[in-house]
């Protein structure tokens, strides 16, 4: 299985995590709606921005995404909050634009949206 590369630096101030509740709600004629768990696990969303320190890192990261993962494969990721290894994948449209921070992509950032089962 592929692993998230070591060279992109995850910018900790950009990490956001969301947990959709995965519940079913039934409206009642009176009183509170009833709720029950739909799935035992939830598909957690993990958004972040990574910093790539050279044009070679940018090229390697894009190649890893397009060629090794073929855009859909899962990979091991050390979760930025917990440090535990999770099996993640890119959400649809989860590989954002690569934005040059200095000329010729000598340093660049890339916004990512990942998902994993929690």
N, C-alpha and C. Protein backbone atom coordinates (compact mmCIF):
# COMPACT_ATOMS: atom_id res chain seq x y z
N UNK A 1 0.84 -1.18 0.00
CA UNK A 1 0.00 0.00 0.00
C UNK A 1 0.88 1.24 0.00
N UNK A 2 0.43 2.25 -0.68
CA UNK A 2 1.16 3.52 -0.75
C UNK A 2 1.09 4.24 0.59
N UNK A 3 2.02 5.12 0.80
CA UNK A 3 2.05 5.95 2.01
C UNK A 3 2.15 7.41 1.60
N UNK A 4 1.61 8.28 2.43
CA UNK A 4 1.72 9.71 2.17
C UNK A 4 3.20 10.07 2.21
N UNK A 5 3.69 10.80 1.22
CA UNK A 5 5.12 11.11 1.18
C UNK A 5 5.58 11.92 2.39
N UNK A 6 6.88 11.85 2.66
CA UNK A 6 7.43 12.54 3.84
C UNK A 6 7.78 13.99 3.57
N UNK A 7 7.97 14.38 2.32
CA UNK A 7 8.46 15.73 2.01
C UNK A 7 7.41 16.83 2.08
N UNK A 8 6.09 16.59 1.85
CA UNK A 8 5.14 17.70 2.01
C UNK A 8 4.98 18.02 3.50
N UNK A 9 5.10 19.28 3.85
CA UNK A 9 4.90 19.69 5.24
C UNK A 9 3.44 20.09 5.40
N UNK A 10 2.75 19.42 6.32
CA UNK A 10 1.35 19.74 6.59
C UNK A 10 1.33 21.00 7.45
N UNK A 11 0.69 22.05 6.97
CA UNK A 11 0.60 23.30 7.71
C UNK A 11 -0.49 23.14 8.77
N UNK A 12 -0.08 23.00 10.02
CA UNK A 12 -1.01 22.64 11.09
C UNK A 12 -2.15 23.63 11.27
N UNK A 13 -1.91 24.90 10.98
CA UNK A 13 -2.98 25.89 11.15
C UNK A 13 -4.08 25.75 10.10
N UNK A 14 -3.85 24.93 9.07
CA UNK A 14 -4.85 24.75 8.01
C UNK A 14 -5.64 23.45 8.17
N UNK A 15 -5.30 22.62 9.12
CA UNK A 15 -5.96 21.31 9.27
C UNK A 15 -7.36 21.52 9.86
N UNK A 16 -8.35 20.95 9.17
CA UNK A 16 -9.73 20.98 9.63
C UNK A 16 -10.29 19.56 9.51
N UNK A 17 -11.12 19.19 10.46
CA UNK A 17 -11.67 17.84 10.47
C UNK A 17 -13.18 17.91 10.71
N UNK A 18 -13.94 17.11 9.96
CA UNK A 18 -15.39 17.09 10.11
C UNK A 18 -15.86 15.64 10.18
N UNK A 19 -16.87 15.42 11.01
CA UNK A 19 -17.43 14.09 11.19
C UNK A 19 -18.93 14.14 10.92
N UNK A 20 -19.36 13.80 9.70
CA UNK A 20 -20.81 13.75 9.45
C UNK A 20 -21.44 12.74 10.41
N UNK A 21 -22.62 13.02 10.93
CA UNK A 21 -23.17 12.18 12.00
C UNK A 21 -23.59 10.78 11.58
N UNK A 22 -23.95 10.56 10.32
CA UNK A 22 -24.38 9.26 9.83
C UNK A 22 -25.53 8.71 10.69
N UNK A 23 -26.56 9.54 10.83
CA UNK A 23 -27.75 9.13 11.58
C UNK A 23 -28.98 9.26 10.69
N UNK A 24 -30.03 8.55 11.07
CA UNK A 24 -31.32 8.64 10.39
C UNK A 24 -32.28 9.32 11.35
N UNK A 25 -32.96 10.34 10.87
CA UNK A 25 -33.93 11.08 11.68
C UNK A 25 -35.33 10.83 11.17
N UNK A 26 -36.24 10.53 12.06
CA UNK A 26 -37.64 10.34 11.71
C UNK A 26 -38.46 11.40 12.43
N UNK A 27 -39.11 12.24 11.63
CA UNK A 27 -39.96 13.29 12.21
C UNK A 27 -41.18 12.65 12.86
N UNK A 28 -41.53 13.16 14.00
CA UNK A 28 -42.70 12.68 14.74
C UNK A 28 -43.81 13.73 14.66
N UNK A 29 -45.03 13.28 14.82
CA UNK A 29 -46.15 14.21 14.79
C UNK A 29 -46.03 15.21 15.93
N UNK A 30 -45.57 14.73 17.09
CA UNK A 30 -45.35 15.60 18.25
C UNK A 30 -44.02 15.24 18.88
N UNK A 31 -43.43 16.23 19.48
CA UNK A 31 -42.20 15.98 20.21
C UNK A 31 -40.97 15.97 19.31
N UNK A 32 -39.89 15.53 19.90
CA UNK A 32 -38.61 15.50 19.19
C UNK A 32 -38.58 14.41 18.13
N UNK A 33 -37.87 14.64 17.03
CA UNK A 33 -37.70 13.57 16.05
C UNK A 33 -36.92 12.41 16.68
N UNK A 34 -37.21 11.20 16.23
CA UNK A 34 -36.44 10.05 16.68
C UNK A 34 -35.17 9.97 15.84
N UNK A 35 -34.12 9.48 16.46
CA UNK A 35 -32.84 9.33 15.76
C UNK A 35 -32.28 7.95 16.03
N UNK A 36 -31.58 7.43 15.01
CA UNK A 36 -30.86 6.17 15.20
C UNK A 36 -29.59 6.23 14.35
N UNK A 37 -28.63 5.44 14.75
CA UNK A 37 -27.37 5.38 14.03
C UNK A 37 -27.58 4.63 12.72
N UNK A 38 -27.12 5.23 11.63
CA UNK A 38 -27.24 4.60 10.32
C UNK A 38 -26.07 3.66 10.06
N UNK A 39 -24.85 4.10 10.36
CA UNK A 39 -23.65 3.30 10.15
C UNK A 39 -22.81 3.31 11.42
N UNK A 40 -22.10 2.23 11.66
CA UNK A 40 -21.25 2.19 12.84
C UNK A 40 -20.00 3.05 12.68
N UNK A 41 -19.56 3.26 11.44
CA UNK A 41 -18.41 4.12 11.18
C UNK A 41 -18.87 5.32 10.37
N UNK A 42 -18.12 6.41 10.52
CA UNK A 42 -18.44 7.61 9.74
C UNK A 42 -17.29 7.90 8.78
N UNK A 43 -17.62 8.52 7.67
CA UNK A 43 -16.63 8.92 6.69
C UNK A 43 -16.14 10.32 7.06
N UNK A 44 -15.03 10.36 7.79
CA UNK A 44 -14.48 11.63 8.28
C UNK A 44 -13.80 12.37 7.14
N UNK A 45 -13.93 13.69 7.15
CA UNK A 45 -13.29 14.57 6.16
C UNK A 45 -12.13 15.29 6.84
N UNK A 46 -10.99 15.29 6.17
CA UNK A 46 -9.79 15.93 6.71
C UNK A 46 -9.26 16.87 5.63
N UNK A 47 -9.33 18.18 5.90
CA UNK A 47 -8.85 19.18 4.96
C UNK A 47 -7.56 19.79 5.49
N UNK A 48 -6.64 20.08 4.58
CA UNK A 48 -5.36 20.65 4.98
C UNK A 48 -4.67 21.27 3.78
N UNK A 49 -3.66 22.04 4.07
CA UNK A 49 -2.79 22.57 3.04
C UNK A 49 -1.39 22.06 3.31
N UNK A 50 -0.70 21.61 2.26
CA UNK A 50 0.68 21.15 2.41
C UNK A 50 1.61 22.14 1.72
N UNK A 51 2.82 22.21 2.27
CA UNK A 51 3.87 23.07 1.72
C UNK A 51 4.92 22.19 1.06
N UNK A 52 5.21 22.50 -0.19
CA UNK A 52 6.23 21.77 -0.95
C UNK A 52 7.40 22.73 -1.15
N UNK A 53 8.59 22.32 -0.73
CA UNK A 53 9.73 23.23 -0.61
C UNK A 53 10.57 23.39 -1.87
N UNK A 54 10.27 22.68 -2.94
CA UNK A 54 11.06 22.83 -4.17
C UNK A 54 10.21 22.41 -5.37
N UNK A 55 10.68 22.80 -6.55
CA UNK A 55 9.99 22.39 -7.78
C UNK A 55 10.02 20.88 -7.93
N UNK A 56 11.12 20.26 -7.49
CA UNK A 56 11.22 18.80 -7.55
C UNK A 56 10.18 18.14 -6.65
N UNK A 57 9.93 18.72 -5.46
CA UNK A 57 8.90 18.19 -4.57
C UNK A 57 7.52 18.33 -5.19
N UNK A 58 7.25 19.44 -5.84
CA UNK A 58 5.97 19.64 -6.51
C UNK A 58 5.77 18.57 -7.57
N UNK A 59 6.79 18.37 -8.39
CA UNK A 59 6.71 17.37 -9.45
C UNK A 59 6.52 15.97 -8.88
N UNK A 60 7.26 15.63 -7.83
CA UNK A 60 7.15 14.31 -7.21
C UNK A 60 5.78 14.10 -6.60
N UNK A 61 5.22 15.13 -5.97
CA UNK A 61 3.91 15.01 -5.33
C UNK A 61 2.81 14.81 -6.37
N UNK A 62 2.86 15.57 -7.45
CA UNK A 62 1.87 15.41 -8.52
C UNK A 62 2.00 14.03 -9.16
N UNK A 63 3.23 13.57 -9.37
CA UNK A 63 3.46 12.23 -9.92
C UNK A 63 2.93 11.15 -8.99
N UNK A 64 3.15 11.30 -7.69
CA UNK A 64 2.64 10.34 -6.70
C UNK A 64 1.12 10.26 -6.79
N UNK A 65 0.45 11.41 -6.86
CA UNK A 65 -1.01 11.45 -6.93
C UNK A 65 -1.53 10.85 -8.24
N UNK A 66 -0.97 11.26 -9.37
CA UNK A 66 -1.49 10.83 -10.66
C UNK A 66 -1.06 9.42 -11.06
N UNK A 67 0.20 9.07 -10.80
CA UNK A 67 0.71 7.79 -11.28
C UNK A 67 0.64 6.67 -10.25
N UNK A 68 1.11 6.94 -9.03
CA UNK A 68 1.12 5.86 -8.03
C UNK A 68 -0.29 5.60 -7.49
N UNK A 69 -1.00 6.66 -7.09
CA UNK A 69 -2.36 6.47 -6.57
C UNK A 69 -3.40 6.36 -7.67
N UNK A 70 -3.07 6.81 -8.85
CA UNK A 70 -4.01 6.89 -9.96
C UNK A 70 -5.30 7.59 -9.53
N UNK A 71 -5.14 8.59 -8.66
CA UNK A 71 -6.19 9.49 -8.16
C UNK A 71 -7.18 8.84 -7.22
N UNK A 72 -7.25 7.52 -7.12
CA UNK A 72 -8.32 6.89 -6.33
C UNK A 72 -7.83 5.93 -5.24
N UNK A 73 -6.59 5.52 -5.26
CA UNK A 73 -6.12 4.50 -4.32
C UNK A 73 -6.02 5.05 -2.89
N UNK A 74 -6.13 4.15 -1.94
CA UNK A 74 -5.93 4.51 -0.53
C UNK A 74 -4.45 4.55 -0.22
N UNK A 75 -4.11 5.27 0.84
CA UNK A 75 -2.72 5.36 1.28
C UNK A 75 -2.71 5.52 2.80
N UNK A 76 -1.58 5.16 3.39
CA UNK A 76 -1.40 5.32 4.83
C UNK A 76 -1.00 6.75 5.13
N UNK A 77 -1.62 7.32 6.16
CA UNK A 77 -1.35 8.70 6.55
C UNK A 77 -1.27 8.77 8.07
N UNK A 78 -0.22 9.37 8.58
CA UNK A 78 -0.15 9.65 10.01
C UNK A 78 -1.08 10.84 10.25
N UNK A 79 -2.16 10.60 10.97
CA UNK A 79 -3.16 11.64 11.19
C UNK A 79 -2.50 12.84 11.87
N UNK A 80 -2.69 14.05 11.33
CA UNK A 80 -2.00 15.22 11.89
C UNK A 80 -2.38 15.55 13.34
N UNK A 81 -3.57 15.16 13.78
CA UNK A 81 -3.99 15.45 15.16
C UNK A 81 -3.57 14.36 16.14
N UNK A 82 -3.75 13.10 15.75
CA UNK A 82 -3.52 12.00 16.68
C UNK A 82 -2.18 11.30 16.49
N UNK A 83 -1.63 11.38 15.29
CA UNK A 83 -0.40 10.66 14.99
C UNK A 83 -0.63 9.20 14.61
N UNK A 84 -1.86 8.71 14.76
CA UNK A 84 -2.18 7.33 14.40
C UNK A 84 -2.24 7.20 12.89
N UNK A 85 -1.84 6.05 12.38
CA UNK A 85 -1.88 5.80 10.95
C UNK A 85 -3.30 5.40 10.56
N UNK A 86 -3.85 6.12 9.56
CA UNK A 86 -5.18 5.81 9.04
C UNK A 86 -5.05 5.53 7.55
N UNK A 87 -5.99 4.77 7.02
CA UNK A 87 -6.05 4.53 5.58
C UNK A 87 -6.94 5.62 5.00
N UNK A 88 -6.35 6.51 4.24
CA UNK A 88 -7.06 7.66 3.69
C UNK A 88 -7.09 7.58 2.17
N UNK A 89 -7.91 8.41 1.60
CA UNK A 89 -7.94 8.59 0.15
C UNK A 89 -8.36 10.03 -0.12
N UNK A 90 -8.16 10.47 -1.35
CA UNK A 90 -8.57 11.81 -1.72
C UNK A 90 -10.08 11.82 -1.96
N UNK A 91 -10.75 12.82 -1.42
CA UNK A 91 -12.16 13.02 -1.70
C UNK A 91 -12.30 13.45 -3.16
N UNK A 92 -13.49 13.31 -3.74
CA UNK A 92 -13.67 13.84 -5.09
C UNK A 92 -13.29 15.32 -5.10
N UNK A 93 -12.54 15.73 -6.06
CA UNK A 93 -12.01 17.10 -6.13
C UNK A 93 -11.14 17.44 -4.92
N UNK A 94 -10.52 16.44 -4.31
CA UNK A 94 -9.74 16.63 -3.09
C UNK A 94 -8.31 17.08 -3.31
N UNK A 95 -7.82 17.00 -4.53
CA UNK A 95 -6.47 17.48 -4.83
C UNK A 95 -6.64 18.87 -5.42
N UNK A 96 -6.40 19.89 -4.60
CA UNK A 96 -6.62 21.27 -5.02
C UNK A 96 -5.53 21.78 -5.93
N UNK A 97 -5.64 23.05 -6.27
CA UNK A 97 -4.64 23.64 -7.16
C UNK A 97 -3.30 23.78 -6.44
N UNK A 98 -2.25 23.59 -7.21
CA UNK A 98 -0.90 23.78 -6.71
C UNK A 98 -0.57 25.25 -6.96
N UNK A 99 -0.31 25.98 -5.88
CA UNK A 99 -0.12 27.42 -5.96
C UNK A 99 1.34 27.77 -5.68
N UNK A 100 1.99 28.43 -6.62
CA UNK A 100 3.39 28.82 -6.45
C UNK A 100 3.48 29.93 -5.40
N UNK A 101 4.40 29.78 -4.45
CA UNK A 101 4.65 30.80 -3.45
C UNK A 101 5.82 31.68 -3.86
N UNK A 102 6.74 31.13 -4.65
CA UNK A 102 7.86 31.88 -5.21
C UNK A 102 7.99 31.49 -6.68
N UNK A 103 8.84 32.21 -7.42
CA UNK A 103 8.98 31.96 -8.85
C UNK A 103 9.32 30.51 -9.17
N UNK A 104 8.79 30.06 -10.28
CA UNK A 104 9.08 28.73 -10.83
C UNK A 104 8.81 27.59 -9.84
N UNK A 105 7.84 27.79 -9.00
CA UNK A 105 7.43 26.76 -8.03
C UNK A 105 8.59 26.32 -7.13
N UNK A 106 9.49 27.26 -6.82
CA UNK A 106 10.58 26.96 -5.88
C UNK A 106 10.03 26.62 -4.51
N UNK A 107 8.84 27.10 -4.22
CA UNK A 107 8.08 26.72 -3.02
C UNK A 107 6.62 26.86 -3.41
N UNK A 108 5.80 25.89 -3.03
CA UNK A 108 4.40 25.90 -3.44
C UNK A 108 3.52 25.30 -2.35
N UNK A 109 2.24 25.62 -2.42
CA UNK A 109 1.26 25.01 -1.51
C UNK A 109 0.20 24.29 -2.33
N UNK A 110 -0.44 23.34 -1.69
CA UNK A 110 -1.51 22.59 -2.34
C UNK A 110 -2.57 22.28 -1.28
N UNK A 111 -3.82 22.63 -1.56
CA UNK A 111 -4.93 22.33 -0.67
C UNK A 111 -5.41 20.90 -0.95
N UNK A 112 -5.62 20.14 0.14
CA UNK A 112 -6.05 18.75 0.01
C UNK A 112 -7.31 18.52 0.82
N UNK A 113 -8.17 17.64 0.34
CA UNK A 113 -9.29 17.16 1.13
C UNK A 113 -9.26 15.64 1.08
N UNK A 114 -9.08 15.05 2.25
CA UNK A 114 -8.98 13.60 2.36
C UNK A 114 -10.19 13.07 3.10
N UNK A 115 -10.43 11.77 2.98
CA UNK A 115 -11.48 11.12 3.73
C UNK A 115 -10.97 9.77 4.22
N UNK A 116 -11.51 9.37 5.39
CA UNK A 116 -11.14 8.08 5.97
C UNK A 116 -12.27 7.62 6.87
N UNK A 117 -12.35 6.32 7.09
CA UNK A 117 -13.39 5.77 7.96
C UNK A 117 -12.94 5.90 9.41
N UNK A 118 -13.82 6.38 10.24
CA UNK A 118 -13.51 6.53 11.68
C UNK A 118 -14.51 5.73 12.45
